[in-house]
Amino acid sequence: MQALKRTYLIDIGNSALKWAEATTPQNTGVITYGDMVMLAEQVRDFYRHQRPELIYACTVAHSVIASTVQQVCERTRIELLGSQREFNGAFHVVNRYDDYTKLGPDRWYAALGAVSKHPDENLLIVQMGTALTADSIICRGEGEYEYLGGRIAPGPTMMFKSLQQGTARLHVPSGTYQTFPQNSSDGISTGITDCVRGFISGGLEAVGEAAKPKLVITGGAAHYYEKAFERYFPGYLIEDNLVITGLSLRIRSENEE
């Protein structure tokens, strides 16, 4: 544990950055930003207060975002961690992606984080960020898992923005889910919710009813859809910080070797 002192884990997204000290990954901080100036200021503040000596980062954000973080923390070694062919730690996960180096690392580490919280279960892990993803994990035996890959679609915010940018008469604020929407705002929100619901249902069907997968949802937009999830996916779970948890699992396993 001493080897991880002043070591930090960072999950860099397109609109938020989550961080935690490697020794206490359950205690996370969040930096939100709307532009690179705001990001640089927030990261500079983090750097000044935390004084990291080593950072392990996971990112699928735009390269400008990652480079901004690296420039601000130029005196600290930053290691960008990608996906793995397999994970050998507290449990074993084999990655079945065609080319594991092309798998978004946020999806891989979120999967590891979910497995650690739900041992010996089949899982569908849904991330609701800029992209909407649904990844399948099958338990093959005690402590043995396969990551089977998953679906990718535009996230709810991207769906909403694409309608605003691509149409002439749908520049309206977001609304609420209605059985029979009677204005454009509610119509868009209801339609996007239905898209998300169908996307998740497809992932659950792919894993198979007999497998009884547990649905685990994470990401910035997840809490916005809680009422719809409660209605259509009883027993689902919303869990935050799965990527940080997964990064911690990898770092700890490698430090124990």
C-alpha atoms as a PDB file:
ATOM      1  CA  MET A   1       0.000   0.000   0.000  1.00  0.00           C
ATOM      2  CA  GLN A   2       2.898   2.330   0.774  1.00  0.00           C
ATOM      3  CA  ALA A   3       3.969   2.100  -2.882  1.00  0.00           C
ATOM      4  CA  LEU A   4       0.692   3.764  -3.896  1.00  0.00           C
ATOM      5  CA  LYS A   5       1.060   6.833  -1.690  1.00  0.00           C
ATOM      6  CA  ARG A   6       0.603  10.059  -3.674  1.00  0.00           C
ATOM      7  CA  THR A   7      -0.532   7.947  -6.621  1.00  0.00           C
ATOM      8  CA  TYR A   8      -3.801   8.998  -8.224  1.00  0.00           C
ATOM      9  CA  LEU A   9      -6.355   7.383 -10.517  1.00  0.00           C
ATOM     10  CA  ILE A  10      -8.082   9.601 -13.059  1.00  0.00           C
ATOM     11  CA  ASP A  11     -11.037   8.910 -15.363  1.00  0.00           C
ATOM     12  CA  ILE A  12     -11.037  11.627 -18.032  1.00  0.00           C
ATOM     13  CA  GLY A  13     -14.363  12.188 -19.774  1.00  0.00           C
ATOM     14  CA  ASN A  14     -15.604  14.757 -22.272  1.00  0.00           C
ATOM     15  CA  SER A  15     -17.325  16.926 -19.663  1.00  0.00           C
ATOM     16  CA  ALA A  16     -16.069  15.636 -16.307  1.00  0.00           C
ATOM     17  CA  LEU A  17     -12.920  14.223 -14.747  1.00  0.00           C
ATOM     18  CA  LYS A  18     -13.116  11.875 -11.765  1.00  0.00           C
ATOM     19  CA  TRP A  19     -10.134  11.267  -9.524  1.00  0.00           C
ATOM     20  CA  ALA A  20      -9.204   9.316  -6.424  1.00  0.00           C
ATOM     21  CA  GLU A  21      -6.072   8.534  -4.480  1.00  0.00           C
ATOM     22  CA  ALA A  22      -5.026   4.959  -5.249  1.00  0.00           C
ATOM     23  CA  THR A  23      -5.009   4.026  -1.556  1.00  0.00           C
ATOM     24  CA  THR A  24      -8.649   5.139  -1.137  1.00  0.00           C
ATOM     25  CA  PRO A  25     -10.384   4.655  -4.511  1.00  0.00           C
ATOM     26  CA  GLN A  26     -13.808   4.801  -2.871  1.00  0.00           C
ATOM     27  CA  ASN A  27     -13.264   8.494  -2.076  1.00  0.00           C
ATOM     28  CA  THR A  28     -13.639  10.234  -5.412  1.00  0.00           C
ATOM     29  CA  GLY A  29     -13.511  13.847  -6.474  1.00  0.00           C
ATOM     30  CA  VAL A  30     -15.120  15.292  -9.587  1.00  0.00           C
ATOM     31  CA  ILE A  31     -14.015  18.118 -11.854  1.00  0.00           C
ATOM     32  CA  THR A  32     -16.624  19.376 -14.326  1.00  0.00           C
ATOM     33  CA  TYR A  33     -15.821  21.707 -17.186  1.00  0.00           C
ATOM     34  CA  GLY A  34     -17.325  23.355 -20.204  1.00  0.00           C
ATOM     35  CA  ASP A  35     -14.158  24.403 -22.015  1.00  0.00           C
ATOM     36  CA  MET A  36     -10.383  23.970 -21.920  1.00  0.00           C
ATOM     37  CA  VAL A  37      -9.774  27.129 -19.886  1.00  0.00           C
ATOM     38  CA  MET A  38     -12.103  25.897 -17.156  1.00  0.00           C
ATOM     39  CA  LEU A  39     -10.541  22.423 -17.315  1.00  0.00           C
ATOM     40  CA  ALA A  40      -7.004  23.809 -16.978  1.00  0.00           C
ATOM     41  CA  GLU A  41      -7.998  25.951 -13.987  1.00  0.00           C
ATOM     42  CA  GLN A  42      -9.706  23.046 -12.223  1.00  0.00           C
ATOM     43  CA  VAL A  43      -6.854  20.604 -12.880  1.00  0.00           C
ATOM     44  CA  ARG A  44      -4.318  23.206 -11.738  1.00  0.00           C
ATOM     45  CA  ASP A  45      -6.251  23.518  -8.477  1.00  0.00           C
ATOM     46  CA  PHE A  46      -6.314  19.722  -8.089  1.00  0.00           C
ATOM     47  CA  TYR A  47      -2.570  19.545  -8.762  1.00  0.00           C
ATOM     48  CA  ARG A  48      -1.772  22.291  -6.261  1.00  0.00           C
ATOM     49  CA  HIS A  49      -3.755  20.661  -3.438  1.00  0.00           C
ATOM     50  CA  GLN A  50      -3.073  16.947  -4.057  1.00  0.00           C
ATOM     51  CA  ARG A  51       0.545  17.065  -5.262  1.00  0.00           C
ATOM     52  CA  PRO A  52       0.409  13.760  -7.166  1.00  0.00           C
ATOM     53  CA  GLU A  53       3.691  11.984  -7.877  1.00  0.00           C
ATOM     54  CA  LEU A  54       2.196   9.441 -10.267  1.00  0.00           C
ATOM     55  CA  ILE A  55      -1.112   9.392 -12.145  1.00  0.00           C
ATOM     56  CA  TYR A  56      -2.755   6.416 -13.817  1.00  0.00           C
ATOM     57  CA  ALA A  57      -5.336   7.726 -16.256  1.00  0.00           C
ATOM     58  CA  CYS A  58      -8.055   6.265 -18.423  1.00  0.00           C
ATOM     59  CA  THR A  59      -9.504   8.397 -21.208  1.00  0.00           C
ATOM     60  CA  VAL A  60     -11.691   8.196 -24.270  1.00  0.00           C
ATOM     61  CA  ALA A  61     -12.090  11.982 -24.328  1.00  0.00           C
ATOM     62  CA  HIS A  62     -10.973  14.236 -27.154  1.00  0.00           C
ATOM     63  CA  SER A  63      -7.183  14.374 -27.436  1.00  0.00           C
ATOM     64  CA  VAL A  64      -7.220  18.102 -26.594  1.00  0.00           C
ATOM     65  CA  ILE A  65      -8.727  17.290 -23.191  1.00  0.00           C
ATOM     66  CA  ALA A  66      -6.119  14.644 -22.389  1.00  0.00           C
ATOM     67  CA  SER A  67      -3.266  16.884 -23.547  1.00  0.00           C
ATOM     68  CA  THR A  68      -4.569  19.753 -21.390  1.00  0.00           C
ATOM     69  CA  VAL A  69      -4.411  17.510 -18.323  1.00  0.00           C
ATOM     70  CA  GLN A  70      -0.904  16.369 -19.261  1.00  0.00           C
ATOM     71  CA  GLN A  71       0.329  19.940 -19.779  1.00  0.00           C
ATOM     72  CA  VAL A  72      -0.964  21.141 -16.406  1.00  0.00           C
ATOM     73  CA  CYS A  73       0.544  18.109 -14.652  1.00  0.00           C
ATOM     74  CA  GLU A  74       3.784  18.220 -16.647  1.00  0.00           C
ATOM     75  CA  ARG A  75       5.967  17.556 -13.596  1.00  0.00           C
ATOM     76  CA  THR A  76       4.089  14.366 -12.758  1.00  0.00           C
ATOM     77  CA  ARG A  77       4.440  11.071 -14.598  1.00  0.00           C
ATOM     78  CA  ILE A  78       1.129  10.163 -16.201  1.00  0.00           C
ATOM     79  CA  GLU A  79       0.507   6.652 -17.493  1.00  0.00           C
ATOM     80  CA  LEU A  80      -2.468   6.238 -19.811  1.00  0.00           C
ATOM     81  CA  LEU A  81      -3.902   2.764 -19.306  1.00  0.00           C
ATOM     82  CA  GLY A  82      -5.620   0.983 -22.174  1.00  0.00           C
ATOM     83  CA  SER A  83      -7.726  -2.148 -22.203  1.00  0.00           C
ATOM     84  CA  GLN A  84      -6.144  -5.525 -21.491  1.00  0.00           C
ATOM     85  CA  ARG A  85      -6.221  -8.899 -23.224  1.00  0.00           C
ATOM     86  CA  GLU A  86      -7.134 -10.337 -19.826  1.00  0.00           C
ATOM     87  CA  PHE A  87      -7.221  -9.320 -16.187  1.00  0.00           C
ATOM     88  CA  ASN A  88      -5.596 -11.511 -13.555  1.00  0.00           C
ATOM     89  CA  GLY A  89      -6.157 -10.251 -10.060  1.00  0.00           C
ATOM     90  CA  ALA A  90      -8.768 -10.972  -7.428  1.00  0.00           C
ATOM     91  CA  PHE A  91     -10.612 -12.680 -10.299  1.00  0.00           C
ATOM     92  CA  HIS A  92      -9.898 -13.533 -13.946  1.00  0.00           C
ATOM     93  CA  VAL A  93     -11.545 -11.865 -16.956  1.00  0.00           C
ATOM     94  CA  VAL A  94     -10.791 -12.804 -20.572  1.00  0.00           C
ATOM     95  CA  ASN A  95     -11.408 -10.054 -23.135  1.00  0.00           C
ATOM     96  CA  ARG A  96     -13.160 -11.433 -26.264  1.00  0.00           C
ATOM     97  CA  TYR A  97     -13.072  -8.164 -28.231  1.00  0.00           C
ATOM     98  CA  ASP A  98     -11.703  -8.703 -31.760  1.00  0.00           C
ATOM     99  CA  ASP A  99      -8.830  -6.310 -31.028  1.00  0.00           C
ATOM    100  CA  TYR A 100      -8.629  -5.523 -27.330  1.00  0.00           C
ATOM    101  CA  THR A 101      -6.483  -2.437 -28.032  1.00  0.00           C
ATOM    102  CA  LYS A 102      -9.477  -0.889 -29.830  1.00  0.00           C
ATOM    103  CA  LEU A 103     -11.831  -1.341 -26.883  1.00  0.00           C
ATOM    104  CA  GLY A 104     -12.513   1.908 -25.045  1.00  0.00           C
ATOM    105  CA  PRO A 105     -10.663   1.594 -21.732  1.00  0.00           C
ATOM    106  CA  ASP A 106     -13.583   3.140 -19.851  1.00  0.00           C
ATOM    107  CA  ARG A 107     -15.718   0.163 -20.895  1.00  0.00           C
ATOM    108  CA  TRP A 108     -13.083  -2.349 -19.801  1.00  0.00           C
ATOM    109  CA  TYR A 109     -12.410  -0.804 -16.403  1.00  0.00           C
ATOM    110  CA  ALA A 110     -16.118  -0.248 -15.737  1.00  0.00           C
ATOM    111  CA  ALA A 111     -16.621  -3.960 -16.428  1.00  0.00           C
ATOM    112  CA  LEU A 112     -13.866  -4.892 -13.964  1.00  0.00           C
ATOM    113  CA  GLY A 113     -15.375  -2.554 -11.393  1.00  0.00           C
ATOM    114  CA  ALA A 114     -18.814  -4.112 -11.823  1.00  0.00           C
ATOM    115  CA  VAL A 115     -17.464  -7.663 -11.522  1.00  0.00           C
ATOM    116  CA  SER A 116     -15.716  -6.768  -8.269  1.00  0.00           C
ATOM    117  CA  LYS A 117     -18.991  -5.502  -6.807  1.00  0.00           C
ATOM    118  CA  HIS A 118     -21.104  -8.420  -8.082  1.00  0.00           C
ATOM    119  CA  PRO A 119     -18.982 -11.572  -7.910  1.00  0.00           C
ATOM    120  CA  ASP A 120     -20.049 -14.756  -9.692  1.00  0.00           C
ATOM    121  CA  GLU A 121     -22.892 -13.084 -11.606  1.00  0.00           C
ATOM    122  CA  ASN A 122     -23.685 -12.466 -15.261  1.00  0.00           C
ATOM    123  CA  LEU A 123     -23.814  -8.734 -15.915  1.00  0.00           C
ATOM    124  CA  LEU A 124     -24.932  -6.126 -18.407  1.00  0.00           C
ATOM    125  CA  ILE A 125     -23.015  -2.910 -17.711  1.00  0.00           C
ATOM    126  CA  VAL A 126     -24.583   0.198 -19.245  1.00  0.00           C
ATOM    127  CA  GLN A 127     -22.647   3.469 -19.364  1.00  0.00           C
ATOM    128  CA  MET A 128     -24.587   6.654 -20.072  1.00  0.00           C
ATOM    129  CA  GLY A 129     -22.134   9.326 -21.119  1.00  0.00           C
ATOM    130  CA  THR A 130     -21.353  11.003 -24.426  1.00  0.00           C
ATOM    131  CA  ALA A 131     -21.798   7.520 -25.837  1.00  0.00           C
ATOM    132  CA  LEU A 132     -24.298   4.938 -24.639  1.00  0.00           C
ATOM    133  CA  THR A 133     -22.712   1.499 -24.219  1.00  0.00           C
ATOM    134  CA  ALA A 134     -23.946  -1.863 -22.984  1.00  0.00           C
ATOM    135  CA  ASP A 135     -21.304  -4.509 -22.280  1.00  0.00           C
ATOM    136  CA  SER A 136     -21.859  -8.147 -21.405  1.00  0.00           C
ATOM    137  CA  ILE A 137     -19.965 -10.158 -18.793  1.00  0.00           C
ATOM    138  CA  ILE A 138     -20.582 -13.887 -18.401  1.00  0.00           C
ATOM    139  CA  CYS A 139     -19.457 -15.809 -15.325  1.00  0.00           C
ATOM    140  CA  ARG A 140     -17.947 -19.160 -16.377  1.00  0.00           C
ATOM    141  CA  GLY A 141     -17.234 -20.404 -12.864  1.00  0.00           C
ATOM    142  CA  GLU A 142     -16.064 -19.142  -9.515  1.00  0.00           C
ATOM    143  CA  GLY A 143     -13.842 -16.131 -10.195  1.00  0.00           C
ATOM    144  CA  GLU A 144     -13.789 -16.806 -13.973  1.00  0.00           C
ATOM    145  CA  TYR A 145     -15.404 -14.412 -16.458  1.00  0.00           C
ATOM    146  CA  GLU A 146     -15.589 -13.529 -20.135  1.00  0.00           C
ATOM    147  CA  TYR A 147     -16.061 -10.019 -21.435  1.00  0.00           C
ATOM    148  CA  LEU A 148     -18.107 -10.579 -24.599  1.00  0.00           C
ATOM    149  CA  GLY A 149     -18.167  -7.032 -25.972  1.00  0.00           C
ATOM    150  CA  GLY A 150     -21.204  -4.852 -26.390  1.00  0.00           C
ATOM    151  CA  ARG A 151     -23.290  -2.232 -28.118  1.00  0.00           C
ATOM    152  CA  ILE A 152     -22.508   1.439 -28.776  1.00  0.00           C
ATOM    153  CA  ALA A 153     -24.945   4.253 -29.593  1.00  0.00           C
ATOM    154  CA  PRO A 154     -25.091   8.022 -29.168  1.00  0.00           C
ATOM    155  CA  GLY A 155     -25.676   9.027 -25.564  1.00  0.00           C
ATOM    156  CA  PRO A 156     -28.861  10.870 -24.518  1.00  0.00           C
ATOM    157  CA  THR A 157     -27.226  14.311 -24.642  1.00  0.00           C
ATOM    158  CA  MET A 158     -25.801  13.637 -28.090  1.00  0.00           C
ATOM    159  CA  MET A 159     -29.242  12.500 -29.311  1.00  0.00           C
ATOM    160  CA  PHE A 160     -30.793  15.689 -27.959  1.00  0.00           C
ATOM    161  CA  LYS A 161     -28.128  17.953 -29.482  1.00  0.00           C
ATOM    162  CA  SER A 162     -28.305  16.215 -32.861  1.00  0.00           C
ATOM    163  CA  LEU A 163     -32.033  16.983 -33.063  1.00  0.00           C
ATOM    164  CA  GLN A 164     -31.425  20.606 -32.143  1.00  0.00           C
ATOM    165  CA  GLN A 165     -28.589  21.010 -34.626  1.00  0.00           C
ATOM    166  CA  GLY A 166     -30.094  18.983 -37.456  1.00  0.00           C
ATOM    167  CA  THR A 167     -33.643  20.334 -37.505  1.00  0.00           C
ATOM    168  CA  ALA A 168     -35.167  23.770 -37.948  1.00  0.00           C
ATOM    169  CA  ARG A 169     -38.051  23.612 -35.474  1.00  0.00           C
ATOM    170  CA  LEU A 170     -36.827  21.501 -32.572  1.00  0.00           C
ATOM    171  CA  HIS A 171     -34.731  24.074 -30.722  1.00  0.00           C
ATOM    172  CA  VAL A 172     -36.627  23.451 -27.492  1.00  0.00           C
ATOM    173  CA  PRO A 173     -35.596  22.749 -23.885  1.00  0.00           C
ATOM    174  CA  SER A 174     -35.632  19.212 -22.562  1.00  0.00           C
ATOM    175  CA  GLY A 175     -38.942  17.952 -21.208  1.00  0.00           C
ATOM    176  CA  THR A 176     -40.170  14.930 -19.284  1.00  0.00           C
ATOM    177  CA  TYR A 177     -41.274  11.420 -20.172  1.00  0.00           C
ATOM    178  CA  GLN A 178     -44.992  11.211 -20.987  1.00  0.00           C
ATOM    179  CA  THR A 179     -47.112   8.316 -22.239  1.00  0.00           C
ATOM    180  CA  PHE A 180     -48.634  10.664 -24.816  1.00  0.00           C
ATOM    181  CA  PRO A 181     -46.350  13.702 -25.170  1.00  0.00           C
ATOM    182  CA  GLN A 182     -48.280  16.823 -26.158  1.00  0.00           C
ATOM    183  CA  ASN A 183     -45.417  19.211 -26.810  1.00  0.00           C
ATOM    184  CA  SER A 184     -42.064  18.965 -28.559  1.00  0.00           C
ATOM    185  CA  SER A 185     -39.967  19.103 -25.385  1.00  0.00           C
ATOM    186  CA  ASP A 186     -41.766  16.131 -23.852  1.00  0.00           C
ATOM    187  CA  GLY A 187     -41.838  14.384 -27.224  1.00  0.00           C
ATOM    188  CA  ILE A 188     -38.061  14.519 -27.559  1.00  0.00           C
ATOM    189  CA  SER A 189     -37.404  13.436 -23.973  1.00  0.00           C
ATOM    190  CA  THR A 190     -39.889  10.575 -24.311  1.00  0.00           C
ATOM    191  CA  GLY A 191     -38.409   9.476 -27.624  1.00  0.00           C
ATOM    192  CA  ILE A 192     -34.860   9.490 -26.263  1.00  0.00           C
ATOM    193  CA  THR A 193     -35.964   7.546 -23.186  1.00  0.00           C
ATOM    194  CA  ASP A 194     -37.605   4.963 -25.453  1.00  0.00           C
ATOM    195  CA  CYS A 195     -34.368   4.684 -27.452  1.00  0.00           C
ATOM    196  CA  VAL A 196     -32.375   4.103 -24.270  1.00  0.00           C
ATOM    197  CA  ARG A 197     -34.914   1.541 -23.069  1.00  0.00           C
ATOM    198  CA  GLY A 198     -34.801  -0.374 -26.358  1.00  0.00           C
ATOM    199  CA  PHE A 199     -30.999  -0.268 -26.378  1.00  0.00           C
ATOM    200  CA  ILE A 200     -30.797  -1.764 -22.880  1.00  0.00           C
ATOM    201  CA  SER A 201     -33.476  -4.353 -23.670  1.00  0.00           C
ATOM    202  CA  GLY A 202     -31.453  -5.501 -26.671  1.00  0.00           C
ATOM    203  CA  GLY A 203     -28.397  -5.996 -24.477  1.00  0.00           C
ATOM    204  CA  LEU A 204     -30.357  -7.999 -21.915  1.00  0.00           C
ATOM    205  CA  GLU A 205     -31.888 -10.191 -24.616  1.00  0.00           C
ATOM    206  CA  ALA A 206     -28.441 -10.863 -26.096  1.00  0.00           C
ATOM    207  CA  VAL A 207     -27.119 -12.166 -22.782  1.00  0.00           C
ATOM    208  CA  GLY A 208     -30.197 -14.362 -22.587  1.00  0.00           C
ATOM    209  CA  GLU A 209     -33.093 -14.731 -20.202  1.00  0.00           C
ATOM    210  CA  ALA A 210     -31.719 -18.007 -18.836  1.00  0.00           C
ATOM    211  CA  ALA A 211     -28.498 -16.257 -17.797  1.00  0.00           C
ATOM    212  CA  LYS A 212     -30.478 -13.807 -15.610  1.00  0.00           C
ATOM    213  CA  PRO A 213     -28.001 -10.949 -16.048  1.00  0.00           C
ATOM    214  CA  LYS A 214     -27.875  -8.232 -13.428  1.00  0.00           C
ATOM    215  CA  LEU A 215     -28.304  -4.776 -14.952  1.00  0.00           C
ATOM    216  CA  VAL A 216     -25.745  -2.266 -13.680  1.00  0.00           C
ATOM    217  CA  ILE A 217     -26.010   1.322 -14.944  1.00  0.00           C
ATOM    218  CA  THR A 218     -23.435   4.075 -14.533  1.00  0.00           C
ATOM    219  CA  GLY A 219     -22.586   7.452 -16.034  1.00  0.00           C
ATOM    220  CA  GLY A 220     -23.582  11.073 -15.728  1.00  0.00           C
ATOM    221  CA  ALA A 221     -27.040  10.709 -17.297  1.00  0.00           C
ATOM    222  CA  ALA A 222     -28.085   7.607 -15.350  1.00  0.00           C
ATOM    223  CA  HIS A 223     -29.913   9.349 -12.500  1.00  0.00           C
ATOM    224  CA  TYR A 224     -32.033  11.363 -14.942  1.00  0.00           C
ATOM    225  CA  TYR A 225     -33.709   8.152 -16.116  1.00  0.00           C
ATOM    226  CA  GLU A 226     -34.311   6.526 -12.726  1.00  0.00           C
ATOM    227  CA  LYS A 227     -38.120   6.583 -12.952  1.00  0.00           C
ATOM    228  CA  ALA A 228     -38.097   4.972 -16.389  1.00  0.00           C
ATOM    229  CA  PHE A 229     -35.596   2.339 -15.251  1.00  0.00           C
ATOM    230  CA  GLU A 230     -37.692   1.508 -12.180  1.00  0.00           C
ATOM    231  CA  ARG A 231     -40.684   0.952 -14.441  1.00  0.00           C
ATOM    232  CA  TYR A 232     -39.038  -1.123 -17.152  1.00  0.00           C
ATOM    233  CA  PHE A 233     -36.042  -2.753 -15.439  1.00  0.00           C
ATOM    234  CA  PRO A 234     -36.996  -3.709 -11.874  1.00  0.00           C
ATOM    235  CA  GLY A 235     -33.981  -4.771  -9.850  1.00  0.00           C
ATOM    236  CA  TYR A 236     -31.516  -2.625 -11.815  1.00  0.00           C
ATOM    237  CA  LEU A 237     -28.698  -0.840  -9.983  1.00  0.00           C
ATOM    238  CA  ILE A 238     -27.103   2.572 -10.511  1.00  0.00           C
ATOM    239  CA  GLU A 239     -23.469   2.563  -9.432  1.00  0.00           C
ATOM    240  CA  ASP A 240     -21.028   5.435  -9.700  1.00  0.00           C
ATOM    241  CA  ASN A 241     -17.264   5.371 -10.167  1.00  0.00           C
ATOM    242  CA  LEU A 242     -16.973   1.909 -11.744  1.00  0.00           C
ATOM    243  CA  VAL A 243     -14.075   3.058 -13.944  1.00  0.00           C
ATOM    244  CA  ILE A 244     -12.074   4.289 -10.933  1.00  0.00           C
ATOM    245  CA  THR A 245     -12.815   0.985  -9.180  1.00  0.00           C
ATOM    246  CA  GLY A 246     -11.557  -0.954 -12.203  1.00  0.00           C
ATOM    247  CA  LEU A 247      -8.391   1.128 -12.473  1.00  0.00           C
ATOM    248  CA  SER A 248      -7.732   0.485  -8.793  1.00  0.00           C
ATOM    249  CA  LEU A 249      -8.076  -3.269  -9.303  1.00  0.00           C
ATOM    250  CA  ARG A 250      -5.466  -3.260 -12.054  1.00  0.00           C
ATOM    251  CA  ILE A 251      -2.987  -1.068 -10.176  1.00  0.00           C
ATOM    252  CA  ARG A 252      -3.301  -3.080  -6.981  1.00  0.00           C
ATOM    253  CA  SER A 253      -2.869  -6.407  -8.780  1.00  0.00           C
ATOM    254  CA  GLU A 254       0.240  -5.167 -10.585  1.00  0.00           C
ATOM    255  CA  ASN A 255       1.740  -3.761  -7.377  1.00  0.00           C
ATOM    256  CA  GLU A 256       1.245  -7.107  -5.645  1.00  0.00           C
ATOM    257  CA  GLU A 257       3.112  -9.050  -8.335  1.00  0.00           C
END
